[in-house]
N, C-alpha and C. Protein backbone atom coordinates (compact mmCIF):
# COMPACT_ATOMS: atom_id res chain seq x y z
N UNK A 1 149.27 121.27 229.50
CA UNK A 1 149.14 121.51 228.07
C UNK A 1 147.79 122.18 227.79
N UNK A 2 147.84 123.32 227.13
CA UNK A 2 146.61 124.02 226.81
C UNK A 2 146.80 124.78 225.50
N UNK A 3 145.68 125.22 224.92
CA UNK A 3 145.70 126.03 223.71
C UNK A 3 144.84 127.26 223.94
N UNK A 4 145.14 128.32 223.23
CA UNK A 4 144.34 129.54 223.36
C UNK A 4 143.01 129.36 222.64
N UNK A 5 141.94 129.87 223.21
CA UNK A 5 140.64 129.77 222.53
C UNK A 5 140.61 130.63 221.28
N UNK A 6 139.72 130.29 220.37
CA UNK A 6 139.56 131.06 219.14
C UNK A 6 138.53 132.15 219.38
N UNK A 7 138.94 133.39 219.17
CA UNK A 7 138.05 134.52 219.38
C UNK A 7 137.45 134.99 218.06
N UNK A 8 136.32 135.68 218.19
CA UNK A 8 135.72 136.31 217.02
C UNK A 8 136.54 137.54 216.64
N UNK A 9 136.33 138.03 215.41
CA UNK A 9 137.16 139.13 214.91
C UNK A 9 137.01 140.40 215.75
N UNK A 10 135.81 140.61 216.32
CA UNK A 10 135.58 141.82 217.11
C UNK A 10 135.56 141.53 218.61
N UNK A 11 136.15 140.42 219.02
CA UNK A 11 136.17 140.01 220.43
C UNK A 11 137.56 140.30 221.02
N UNK A 12 137.56 140.84 222.25
CA UNK A 12 138.83 141.23 222.87
C UNK A 12 138.96 140.60 224.26
N UNK A 13 140.14 140.09 224.54
CA UNK A 13 140.40 139.45 225.83
C UNK A 13 140.75 140.50 226.88
N UNK A 14 140.18 140.33 228.09
CA UNK A 14 140.46 141.24 229.19
C UNK A 14 141.29 140.57 230.29
N UNK A 15 140.94 139.33 230.62
CA UNK A 15 141.65 138.62 231.68
C UNK A 15 141.87 137.17 231.28
N UNK A 16 142.94 136.59 231.81
CA UNK A 16 143.13 135.14 231.74
C UNK A 16 144.02 134.73 232.91
N UNK A 17 143.74 133.56 233.47
CA UNK A 17 144.50 133.11 234.64
C UNK A 17 144.28 131.61 234.84
N UNK A 18 145.23 131.02 235.52
CA UNK A 18 145.06 129.62 235.91
C UNK A 18 143.94 129.53 236.94
N UNK A 19 143.11 128.52 236.82
CA UNK A 19 141.98 128.36 237.73
C UNK A 19 141.65 126.88 237.88
N UNK A 20 140.87 126.60 238.90
CA UNK A 20 140.36 125.24 239.11
C UNK A 20 138.84 125.30 239.20
N UNK A 21 138.21 124.60 238.31
CA UNK A 21 136.75 124.52 238.34
C UNK A 21 136.36 123.50 239.41
N UNK A 22 135.46 123.94 240.30
CA UNK A 22 135.03 123.06 241.40
C UNK A 22 133.73 122.38 240.99
N UNK A 23 133.79 121.08 240.84
CA UNK A 23 132.64 120.32 240.36
C UNK A 23 132.50 119.06 241.21
N UNK A 24 131.43 119.01 242.03
CA UNK A 24 131.20 117.86 242.93
C UNK A 24 132.41 117.61 243.83
N UNK A 25 132.95 118.71 244.38
CA UNK A 25 134.11 118.65 245.28
C UNK A 25 135.38 118.16 244.58
N UNK A 26 135.38 118.18 243.27
CA UNK A 26 136.55 117.80 242.50
C UNK A 26 137.10 119.05 241.83
N UNK A 27 138.41 119.23 241.88
CA UNK A 27 139.05 120.40 241.29
C UNK A 27 139.58 120.04 239.90
N UNK A 28 139.09 120.73 238.91
CA UNK A 28 139.51 120.50 237.52
C UNK A 28 140.41 121.64 237.10
N UNK A 29 141.66 121.33 236.82
CA UNK A 29 142.63 122.37 236.48
C UNK A 29 142.43 122.86 235.05
N UNK A 30 142.68 124.16 234.89
CA UNK A 30 142.57 124.73 233.54
C UNK A 30 142.87 126.21 233.54
N UNK A 31 142.44 126.88 232.47
CA UNK A 31 142.62 128.31 232.31
C UNK A 31 141.25 128.97 232.15
N UNK A 32 141.09 130.11 232.82
CA UNK A 32 139.85 130.87 232.73
C UNK A 32 140.12 132.15 231.93
N UNK A 33 139.28 132.41 230.93
CA UNK A 33 139.43 133.57 230.07
C UNK A 33 138.18 134.45 230.19
N UNK A 34 138.39 135.76 230.17
CA UNK A 34 137.29 136.71 230.14
C UNK A 34 137.50 137.67 228.97
N UNK A 35 136.51 137.70 228.07
CA UNK A 35 136.54 138.65 226.96
C UNK A 35 135.38 139.63 227.12
N UNK A 36 135.23 140.51 226.16
CA UNK A 36 134.10 141.44 226.22
C UNK A 36 132.80 140.80 225.78
N UNK A 37 132.84 139.48 225.47
CA UNK A 37 131.63 138.76 225.08
C UNK A 37 131.38 137.48 225.87
N UNK A 38 132.47 136.82 226.32
CA UNK A 38 132.30 135.48 226.88
C UNK A 38 133.18 135.25 228.10
N UNK A 39 132.79 134.20 228.85
CA UNK A 39 133.65 133.60 229.87
C UNK A 39 133.95 132.19 229.38
N UNK A 40 135.22 131.87 229.27
CA UNK A 40 135.63 130.58 228.72
C UNK A 40 136.52 129.87 229.73
N UNK A 41 136.22 128.62 230.00
CA UNK A 41 137.11 127.80 230.82
C UNK A 41 137.60 126.65 229.97
N UNK A 42 138.92 126.54 229.89
CA UNK A 42 139.53 125.49 229.09
C UNK A 42 140.24 124.50 230.01
N UNK A 43 139.74 123.29 230.01
CA UNK A 43 140.33 122.25 230.86
C UNK A 43 141.68 121.81 230.29
N UNK A 44 142.69 121.67 231.18
CA UNK A 44 144.03 121.30 230.74
C UNK A 44 144.05 119.93 230.07
N UNK A 45 144.91 119.82 229.08
CA UNK A 45 145.16 118.51 228.48
C UNK A 45 146.23 117.78 229.28
N UNK A 46 146.40 116.52 228.98
CA UNK A 46 147.39 115.69 229.71
C UNK A 46 148.21 114.90 228.70
N UNK A 47 149.46 114.71 229.07
CA UNK A 47 150.34 113.92 228.23
C UNK A 47 151.09 112.93 229.11
N UNK A 48 151.05 111.69 228.70
CA UNK A 48 151.76 110.64 229.44
C UNK A 48 152.62 109.85 228.47
N UNK A 49 153.25 108.82 228.97
CA UNK A 49 154.13 108.01 228.13
C UNK A 49 153.35 107.28 227.05
N UNK A 50 152.12 106.93 227.34
CA UNK A 50 151.36 106.09 226.41
C UNK A 50 150.32 106.86 225.59
N UNK A 51 149.81 107.94 226.12
CA UNK A 51 148.79 108.68 225.37
C UNK A 51 148.75 110.14 225.84
N UNK A 52 148.10 110.95 225.02
CA UNK A 52 147.95 112.37 225.34
C UNK A 52 146.50 112.78 225.06
N UNK A 53 145.98 113.66 225.88
CA UNK A 53 144.63 114.19 225.68
C UNK A 53 144.74 115.70 225.53
N UNK A 54 144.11 116.26 224.52
CA UNK A 54 144.23 117.70 224.29
C UNK A 54 143.41 118.51 225.28
N UNK A 55 143.69 119.79 225.32
CA UNK A 55 142.88 120.70 226.13
C UNK A 55 141.48 120.78 225.54
N UNK A 56 140.48 120.94 226.41
CA UNK A 56 139.08 120.94 225.98
C UNK A 56 138.38 122.17 226.55
N UNK A 57 137.58 122.82 225.71
CA UNK A 57 136.76 123.93 226.20
C UNK A 57 135.62 123.36 227.04
N UNK A 58 135.65 123.65 228.33
CA UNK A 58 134.68 123.07 229.25
C UNK A 58 133.51 124.01 229.53
N UNK A 59 133.72 125.31 229.32
CA UNK A 59 132.66 126.29 229.54
C UNK A 59 132.79 127.39 228.50
N UNK A 60 131.66 127.71 227.86
CA UNK A 60 131.61 128.80 226.88
C UNK A 60 130.34 129.59 227.18
N UNK A 61 130.48 130.62 228.00
CA UNK A 61 129.33 131.34 228.55
C UNK A 61 129.29 132.78 228.01
N UNK A 62 128.19 133.12 227.34
CA UNK A 62 128.03 134.49 226.86
C UNK A 62 127.64 135.39 228.03
N UNK A 63 128.23 136.57 228.05
CA UNK A 63 128.07 137.45 229.20
C UNK A 63 126.64 137.95 229.39
N UNK A 64 125.85 138.04 228.30
CA UNK A 64 124.48 138.52 228.47
C UNK A 64 123.60 137.51 229.20
N UNK A 65 124.13 136.27 229.39
CA UNK A 65 123.40 135.26 230.16
C UNK A 65 123.82 135.22 231.63
N UNK A 66 124.82 136.03 231.98
CA UNK A 66 125.31 136.04 233.37
C UNK A 66 124.33 136.83 234.24
N UNK A 67 123.89 136.22 235.32
CA UNK A 67 122.95 136.87 236.23
C UNK A 67 123.67 137.52 237.41
N UNK A 68 124.74 136.88 237.88
CA UNK A 68 125.41 137.40 239.07
C UNK A 68 126.82 136.83 239.15
N UNK A 69 127.72 137.59 239.77
CA UNK A 69 129.08 137.12 240.03
C UNK A 69 129.51 137.64 241.39
N UNK A 70 130.09 136.75 242.19
CA UNK A 70 130.58 137.17 243.51
C UNK A 70 131.76 136.29 243.90
N UNK A 71 132.38 136.63 245.01
CA UNK A 71 133.54 135.85 245.47
C UNK A 71 133.43 135.65 246.97
N UNK A 72 134.13 134.62 247.44
CA UNK A 72 134.15 134.30 248.87
C UNK A 72 135.59 134.15 249.31
N UNK A 73 135.92 134.75 250.46
CA UNK A 73 137.27 134.65 251.00
C UNK A 73 137.45 133.27 251.64
N UNK A 74 138.66 132.72 251.59
CA UNK A 74 138.90 131.40 252.20
C UNK A 74 138.80 131.46 253.72
N UNK A 75 138.52 130.33 254.29
CA UNK A 75 138.37 130.26 255.74
C UNK A 75 139.71 130.47 256.44
N UNK A 76 140.81 130.08 255.77
CA UNK A 76 142.14 130.23 256.37
C UNK A 76 142.97 131.16 255.50
N UNK A 77 143.67 132.06 256.14
CA UNK A 77 144.48 133.04 255.42
C UNK A 77 145.59 132.38 254.64
N UNK A 78 146.00 131.18 255.02
CA UNK A 78 147.08 130.50 254.34
C UNK A 78 146.75 130.22 252.87
N UNK A 79 145.46 130.06 252.57
CA UNK A 79 145.06 129.79 251.19
C UNK A 79 145.08 131.09 250.40
N UNK A 80 145.75 131.07 249.25
CA UNK A 80 145.87 132.28 248.43
C UNK A 80 144.75 132.42 247.42
N UNK A 81 144.09 131.34 247.12
CA UNK A 81 143.04 131.39 246.12
C UNK A 81 141.67 131.54 246.77
N UNK A 82 140.82 132.34 246.15
CA UNK A 82 139.45 132.52 246.61
C UNK A 82 138.50 131.83 245.64
N UNK A 83 137.23 131.77 246.04
CA UNK A 83 136.24 131.10 245.22
C UNK A 83 135.44 132.14 244.46
N UNK A 84 135.47 132.04 243.15
CA UNK A 84 134.68 132.89 242.27
C UNK A 84 133.42 132.12 241.87
N UNK A 85 132.27 132.70 242.14
CA UNK A 85 130.99 132.07 241.81
C UNK A 85 130.27 132.87 240.74
N UNK A 86 129.83 132.18 239.70
CA UNK A 86 129.12 132.82 238.60
C UNK A 86 127.76 132.14 238.44
N UNK A 87 126.70 132.92 238.51
CA UNK A 87 125.36 132.41 238.27
C UNK A 87 124.91 132.88 236.88
N UNK A 88 124.34 131.96 236.11
CA UNK A 88 123.99 132.27 234.72
C UNK A 88 122.79 131.43 234.28
N UNK A 89 122.19 131.84 233.17
CA UNK A 89 121.06 131.09 232.59
C UNK A 89 121.59 130.16 231.50
N UNK A 90 121.25 128.87 231.64
CA UNK A 90 121.72 127.90 230.66
C UNK A 90 120.82 127.91 229.42
N UNK A 91 121.01 126.93 228.53
CA UNK A 91 120.26 126.89 227.27
C UNK A 91 118.77 126.71 227.48
N UNK A 92 118.37 126.11 228.59
CA UNK A 92 116.95 125.92 228.89
C UNK A 92 116.39 127.06 229.73
N UNK A 93 117.18 128.14 229.87
CA UNK A 93 116.79 129.34 230.63
C UNK A 93 116.58 129.04 232.11
N UNK A 94 117.30 128.04 232.61
CA UNK A 94 117.30 127.75 234.04
C UNK A 94 118.56 128.34 234.66
N UNK A 95 118.41 128.82 235.89
CA UNK A 95 119.55 129.44 236.57
C UNK A 95 120.53 128.35 237.03
N UNK A 96 121.77 128.48 236.59
CA UNK A 96 122.82 127.52 236.94
C UNK A 96 123.96 128.25 237.63
N UNK A 97 124.90 127.47 238.14
CA UNK A 97 126.00 128.06 238.91
C UNK A 97 127.28 127.29 238.64
N UNK A 98 128.40 128.04 238.61
CA UNK A 98 129.70 127.42 238.46
C UNK A 98 130.67 128.12 239.39
N UNK A 99 131.58 127.34 240.02
CA UNK A 99 132.55 127.87 240.98
C UNK A 99 133.97 127.62 240.48
N UNK A 100 134.83 128.61 240.75
CA UNK A 100 136.24 128.48 240.39
C UNK A 100 137.10 128.90 241.57
N UNK A 101 138.19 128.17 241.79
CA UNK A 101 139.22 128.60 242.72
C UNK A 101 140.25 129.37 241.91
N UNK A 102 140.41 130.66 242.23
CA UNK A 102 141.24 131.51 241.40
C UNK A 102 141.79 132.67 242.23
N UNK A 103 142.94 133.17 241.88
CA UNK A 103 143.51 134.34 242.54
C UNK A 103 142.81 135.61 242.05
N UNK A 104 142.86 136.64 242.90
CA UNK A 104 142.29 137.95 242.57
C UNK A 104 140.85 137.84 242.09
N UNK A 105 140.07 137.10 242.83
CA UNK A 105 138.69 136.86 242.43
C UNK A 105 137.85 138.15 242.43
N UNK A 106 138.18 139.10 243.31
CA UNK A 106 137.43 140.36 243.32
C UNK A 106 137.59 141.11 242.01
N UNK A 107 138.80 141.10 241.47
CA UNK A 107 139.05 141.75 240.20
C UNK A 107 138.21 141.09 239.10
N UNK A 108 138.10 139.77 239.14
CA UNK A 108 137.29 139.05 238.17
C UNK A 108 135.81 139.42 238.30
N UNK A 109 135.34 139.51 239.55
CA UNK A 109 133.94 139.88 239.77
C UNK A 109 133.64 141.26 239.22
N UNK A 110 134.54 142.20 239.48
CA UNK A 110 134.33 143.58 239.02
C UNK A 110 134.29 143.64 237.49
N UNK A 111 135.20 142.96 236.84
CA UNK A 111 135.25 142.99 235.38
C UNK A 111 134.06 142.24 234.75
N UNK A 112 133.71 141.11 235.32
CA UNK A 112 132.56 140.35 234.81
C UNK A 112 131.28 141.17 234.93
N UNK A 113 131.10 141.80 236.08
CA UNK A 113 129.89 142.61 236.31
C UNK A 113 129.82 143.77 235.33
N UNK A 114 130.94 144.44 235.12
CA UNK A 114 130.97 145.59 234.21
C UNK A 114 130.68 145.17 232.77
N UNK A 115 131.38 144.14 232.30
CA UNK A 115 131.22 143.71 230.92
C UNK A 115 129.85 143.07 230.66
N UNK A 116 129.35 142.34 231.67
CA UNK A 116 128.03 141.71 231.51
C UNK A 116 126.94 142.76 231.39
N UNK A 117 127.06 143.86 232.12
CA UNK A 117 126.08 144.95 232.03
C UNK A 117 126.05 145.54 230.62
N UNK A 118 127.23 145.74 230.03
CA UNK A 118 127.31 146.27 228.67
C UNK A 118 126.71 145.28 227.67
N UNK A 119 127.04 144.00 227.84
CA UNK A 119 126.55 142.97 226.91
C UNK A 119 125.03 142.83 226.98
N UNK A 120 124.47 142.91 228.19
CA UNK A 120 123.01 142.81 228.34
C UNK A 120 122.32 143.96 227.60
N UNK A 121 122.89 145.16 227.72
CA UNK A 121 122.31 146.32 227.05
C UNK A 121 122.39 146.16 225.54
N UNK A 122 123.55 145.73 225.04
CA UNK A 122 123.73 145.54 223.61
C UNK A 122 122.80 144.46 223.07
N UNK A 123 122.64 143.37 223.83
CA UNK A 123 121.76 142.28 223.40
C UNK A 123 120.30 142.73 223.37
N UNK A 124 119.90 143.53 224.37
CA UNK A 124 118.53 144.05 224.40
C UNK A 124 118.27 144.95 223.20
N UNK A 125 119.24 145.82 222.88
CA UNK A 125 119.10 146.70 221.72
C UNK A 125 119.04 145.90 220.43
N UNK A 126 119.84 144.84 220.35
CA UNK A 126 119.85 143.98 219.16
C UNK A 126 118.50 143.30 218.97
N UNK A 127 117.91 142.79 220.05
CA UNK A 127 116.62 142.12 219.95
C UNK A 127 115.51 143.09 219.57
N UNK A 128 115.57 144.30 220.11
CA UNK A 128 114.56 145.31 219.75
C UNK A 128 114.67 145.66 218.27
N UNK A 129 115.89 145.79 217.78
CA UNK A 129 116.10 146.11 216.37
C UNK A 129 115.60 144.97 215.49
N UNK A 130 115.89 143.72 215.89
CA UNK A 130 115.42 142.57 215.11
C UNK A 130 113.89 142.49 215.10
N UNK A 131 113.27 142.81 216.26
CA UNK A 131 111.81 142.78 216.34
C UNK A 131 111.20 143.82 215.40
N UNK A 132 111.82 145.03 215.35
CA UNK A 132 111.32 146.07 214.45
C UNK A 132 111.51 145.68 212.99
N UNK A 133 112.65 145.06 212.68
CA UNK A 133 112.89 144.63 211.30
C UNK A 133 111.92 143.53 210.89
N UNK A 134 111.64 142.59 211.81
CA UNK A 134 110.67 141.53 211.51
C UNK A 134 109.28 142.09 211.30
N UNK A 135 108.91 143.09 212.13
CA UNK A 135 107.59 143.71 211.99
C UNK A 135 107.48 144.43 210.66
N UNK A 136 108.54 145.15 210.29
CA UNK A 136 108.55 145.86 209.01
C UNK A 136 108.45 144.87 207.85
N UNK A 137 109.16 143.73 207.98
CA UNK A 137 109.12 142.71 206.93
C UNK A 137 107.71 142.14 206.80
N UNK A 138 107.04 141.90 207.92
CA UNK A 138 105.67 141.38 207.88
C UNK A 138 104.73 142.37 207.21
N UNK A 139 104.91 143.66 207.52
CA UNK A 139 104.07 144.69 206.90
C UNK A 139 104.31 144.76 205.40
N UNK A 140 105.59 144.70 205.00
CA UNK A 140 105.92 144.74 203.57
C UNK A 140 105.35 143.53 202.84
N UNK A 141 105.41 142.35 203.47
CA UNK A 141 104.86 141.15 202.85
C UNK A 141 103.35 141.25 202.73
N UNK A 142 102.71 141.83 203.77
CA UNK A 142 101.26 141.98 203.73
C UNK A 142 100.85 142.94 202.62
N UNK A 143 101.63 144.02 202.45
CA UNK A 143 101.34 144.96 201.38
C UNK A 143 101.53 144.32 200.02
N UNK A 144 102.58 143.50 199.90
CA UNK A 144 102.86 142.85 198.62
C UNK A 144 101.76 141.87 198.24
N UNK A 145 101.14 141.23 199.24
CA UNK A 145 100.09 140.25 198.98
C UNK A 145 98.71 140.83 198.88
N UNK A 146 98.56 142.14 199.18
CA UNK A 146 97.23 142.75 199.14
C UNK A 146 96.80 142.99 197.71
N UNK A 147 95.49 142.82 197.39
CA UNK A 147 95.02 143.07 196.03
C UNK A 147 95.12 144.55 195.68
N UNK A 148 95.49 144.84 194.45
CA UNK A 148 95.62 146.22 193.99
C UNK A 148 94.37 146.64 193.23
N UNK A 149 94.12 147.92 193.21
CA UNK A 149 92.98 148.44 192.47
C UNK A 149 93.20 148.27 190.98
N UNK A 150 92.15 147.89 190.25
CA UNK A 150 92.23 147.71 188.81
C UNK A 150 91.98 149.05 188.13
N UNK A 151 93.08 149.74 187.83
CA UNK A 151 92.98 151.06 187.24
C UNK A 151 92.82 150.91 185.73
N UNK A 152 91.82 151.61 185.17
CA UNK A 152 91.63 151.61 183.72
C UNK A 152 90.91 150.39 183.20
N UNK A 153 90.39 149.55 184.08
CA UNK A 153 89.67 148.36 183.65
C UNK A 153 88.21 148.70 183.42
N UNK A 154 87.66 148.25 182.27
CA UNK A 154 86.26 148.53 181.94
C UNK A 154 85.35 147.39 182.36
N UNK A 155 85.93 146.19 182.57
CA UNK A 155 85.13 145.01 182.89
C UNK A 155 85.44 144.60 184.31
N UNK A 156 84.44 144.38 185.16
CA UNK A 156 84.61 143.99 186.55
C UNK A 156 83.96 142.64 186.79
N UNK A 157 84.62 141.84 187.64
CA UNK A 157 84.04 140.53 187.99
C UNK A 157 83.89 139.67 186.76
N UNK A 158 82.78 138.95 186.70
CA UNK A 158 82.51 138.03 185.60
C UNK A 158 81.62 138.66 184.54
N UNK A 159 81.38 139.95 184.60
CA UNK A 159 80.50 140.63 183.65
C UNK A 159 81.22 140.74 182.31
N UNK A 160 80.68 140.08 181.29
CA UNK A 160 81.28 140.07 179.96
C UNK A 160 80.64 141.11 179.04
N UNK A 161 80.07 142.13 179.60
CA UNK A 161 79.36 143.14 178.85
C UNK A 161 80.27 143.80 177.82
N UNK A 162 79.74 144.02 176.62
CA UNK A 162 80.49 144.67 175.56
C UNK A 162 80.90 146.06 176.00
N UNK A 163 82.19 146.42 175.92
CA UNK A 163 82.61 147.74 176.36
C UNK A 163 81.97 148.87 175.58
N UNK A 164 81.40 148.57 174.42
CA UNK A 164 80.73 149.61 173.63
C UNK A 164 79.24 149.70 173.92
N UNK A 165 78.79 148.89 174.87
CA UNK A 165 77.36 148.87 175.16
C UNK A 165 76.86 150.22 175.66
N UNK A 166 77.69 150.88 176.50
CA UNK A 166 77.28 152.18 177.03
C UNK A 166 77.13 153.20 175.91
N UNK A 167 78.00 153.10 174.91
CA UNK A 167 77.89 154.02 173.78
C UNK A 167 76.58 153.80 173.05
N UNK A 168 76.24 152.52 172.84
CA UNK A 168 74.99 152.20 172.16
C UNK A 168 73.79 152.72 172.93
N UNK A 169 73.83 152.50 174.28
CA UNK A 169 72.70 152.91 175.09
C UNK A 169 72.55 154.42 175.09
N UNK A 170 73.72 155.13 175.17
CA UNK A 170 73.64 156.58 175.17
C UNK A 170 73.12 157.11 173.84
N UNK A 171 73.55 156.48 172.76
CA UNK A 171 73.11 156.93 171.44
C UNK A 171 71.67 156.56 171.19
N UNK A 172 71.20 155.49 171.82
CA UNK A 172 69.79 155.12 171.67
C UNK A 172 68.90 156.14 172.35
N UNK A 173 69.41 156.72 173.47
CA UNK A 173 68.63 157.73 174.15
C UNK A 173 68.63 159.06 173.42
N UNK A 174 69.64 159.26 172.55
CA UNK A 174 69.74 160.50 171.79
C UNK A 174 68.68 160.49 170.68
N UNK A 175 67.99 161.62 170.53
CA UNK A 175 66.95 161.71 169.51
C UNK A 175 67.52 161.94 168.13
N UNK A 176 68.86 162.09 168.07
CA UNK A 176 69.53 162.29 166.79
C UNK A 176 68.97 163.49 166.04
N UNK A 177 68.66 164.53 166.77
CA UNK A 177 68.08 165.71 166.13
C UNK A 177 69.07 166.39 165.21
N UNK A 178 70.37 166.27 165.55
CA UNK A 178 71.39 166.96 164.76
C UNK A 178 71.94 166.10 163.64
N UNK A 179 71.45 164.86 163.53
CA UNK A 179 71.96 163.97 162.51
C UNK A 179 70.98 163.90 161.35
N UNK A 180 71.44 163.81 160.10
CA UNK A 180 70.53 163.66 158.96
C UNK A 180 69.84 162.31 159.00
N UNK A 181 68.67 162.27 158.35
CA UNK A 181 67.89 161.02 158.36
C UNK A 181 68.60 159.91 157.62
N UNK A 182 69.48 160.29 156.72
CA UNK A 182 70.15 159.27 155.92
C UNK A 182 71.38 158.72 156.60
N UNK A 183 71.71 159.18 157.82
CA UNK A 183 72.91 158.72 158.52
C UNK A 183 72.81 157.25 158.86
N UNK A 184 73.94 156.55 158.69
CA UNK A 184 74.02 155.14 159.05
C UNK A 184 74.75 155.01 160.39
N UNK A 185 74.62 153.83 160.95
CA UNK A 185 75.30 153.57 162.22
C UNK A 185 76.19 152.34 162.09
N UNK A 186 77.25 152.37 162.86
CA UNK A 186 78.15 151.20 162.88
C UNK A 186 77.40 150.03 163.51
N UNK A 187 77.36 148.89 162.86
CA UNK A 187 76.64 147.74 163.42
C UNK A 187 77.29 147.18 164.68
N UNK A 188 78.53 147.61 164.96
CA UNK A 188 79.23 147.07 166.14
C UNK A 188 79.05 147.95 167.37
N UNK A 189 79.20 149.28 167.19
CA UNK A 189 79.11 150.17 168.34
C UNK A 189 77.98 151.19 168.24
N UNK A 190 77.33 151.32 167.06
CA UNK A 190 76.23 152.26 166.91
C UNK A 190 76.65 153.67 166.62
N UNK A 191 77.93 153.91 166.36
CA UNK A 191 78.40 155.26 166.09
C UNK A 191 77.95 155.68 164.68
N UNK A 192 77.53 156.98 164.50
CA UNK A 192 77.10 157.43 163.16
C UNK A 192 78.24 157.37 162.15
N UNK A 193 77.97 156.78 160.99
CA UNK A 193 78.95 156.68 159.92
C UNK A 193 78.29 157.08 158.61
N UNK A 194 79.13 157.32 157.62
CA UNK A 194 78.61 157.65 156.28
C UNK A 194 78.89 156.49 155.34
N UNK A 195 78.29 156.52 154.19
CA UNK A 195 78.38 155.40 153.26
C UNK A 195 79.79 155.23 152.71
N UNK A 196 80.53 156.31 152.64
CA UNK A 196 81.86 156.21 152.04
C UNK A 196 82.94 155.75 153.03
N UNK A 197 82.56 155.57 154.31
CA UNK A 197 83.53 155.13 155.31
C UNK A 197 83.78 153.63 155.18
N UNK A 198 85.04 153.23 155.25
CA UNK A 198 85.40 151.80 155.21
C UNK A 198 85.49 151.23 156.62
N UNK A 199 85.99 152.05 157.57
CA UNK A 199 86.12 151.63 158.96
C UNK A 199 85.37 152.61 159.86
N UNK A 200 84.85 152.11 160.95
CA UNK A 200 84.17 152.96 161.94
C UNK A 200 85.22 153.81 162.64
N UNK A 201 85.05 155.15 162.66
CA UNK A 201 86.03 156.00 163.34
C UNK A 201 86.02 155.86 164.85
N UNK A 202 85.04 155.20 165.41
CA UNK A 202 84.95 155.05 166.87
C UNK A 202 85.56 153.76 167.37
N UNK A 203 85.17 152.63 166.74
CA UNK A 203 85.66 151.33 167.23
C UNK A 203 86.57 150.62 166.25
N UNK A 204 86.68 151.14 165.01
CA UNK A 204 87.57 150.51 164.04
C UNK A 204 86.95 149.33 163.32
N UNK A 205 85.66 149.13 163.49
CA UNK A 205 84.99 147.99 162.83
C UNK A 205 85.00 148.21 161.32
N UNK A 206 85.27 147.13 160.55
CA UNK A 206 85.32 147.22 159.10
C UNK A 206 83.86 147.24 158.58
N UNK A 207 83.51 148.37 157.98
CA UNK A 207 82.13 148.56 157.53
C UNK A 207 81.85 147.89 156.20
N UNK A 208 82.82 147.90 155.33
CA UNK A 208 82.64 147.30 154.00
C UNK A 208 83.46 146.03 153.92
N UNK A 209 82.76 144.95 153.74
CA UNK A 209 83.38 143.65 153.63
C UNK A 209 83.70 143.34 152.17
N UNK A 210 84.87 142.82 151.90
CA UNK A 210 85.21 142.47 150.52
C UNK A 210 84.43 141.24 150.06
């Protein structure tokens, strides 16, 4: 009793066959699947008069983690199945090994080697692209957090200087040679005004108070 594994939408199956996983000299019956992304071994389920156990996915190996695949011919010609050996990196990045007794093991080795090479290249390209995207994101975040220039600001830092102070200072340096002696100045900014003005034409200060 077995069930087909669930594949991703862009995943395609290349091979499947009955196999026996060799573990501590014990043969575990099941089905071996090869897709363009993974190697899957599904251990057979069992059904008896009193209880039943479903099929279980015993191995789910991504091809970009496969380091090597080879096969060994049996010692006696009478045996039809050969041993397929797959070396791969586990979750802790340690080199591990799994053996299967399976027919046409050379065909499996050839297909695993070919597909694993493609997957390694695709995974390397994916990681390089992610690294570039992360670097770009870091640069964008750094730019977003950088202080911007204060364009058009007249006051810098904690200096509370009157923005009209420069006008006053410049006019104080002027000898007013071109202005009549009777000219008045705005008490707020020092700009020359006449008696009939209600507001200063420079700063808008109200000259005549009600």
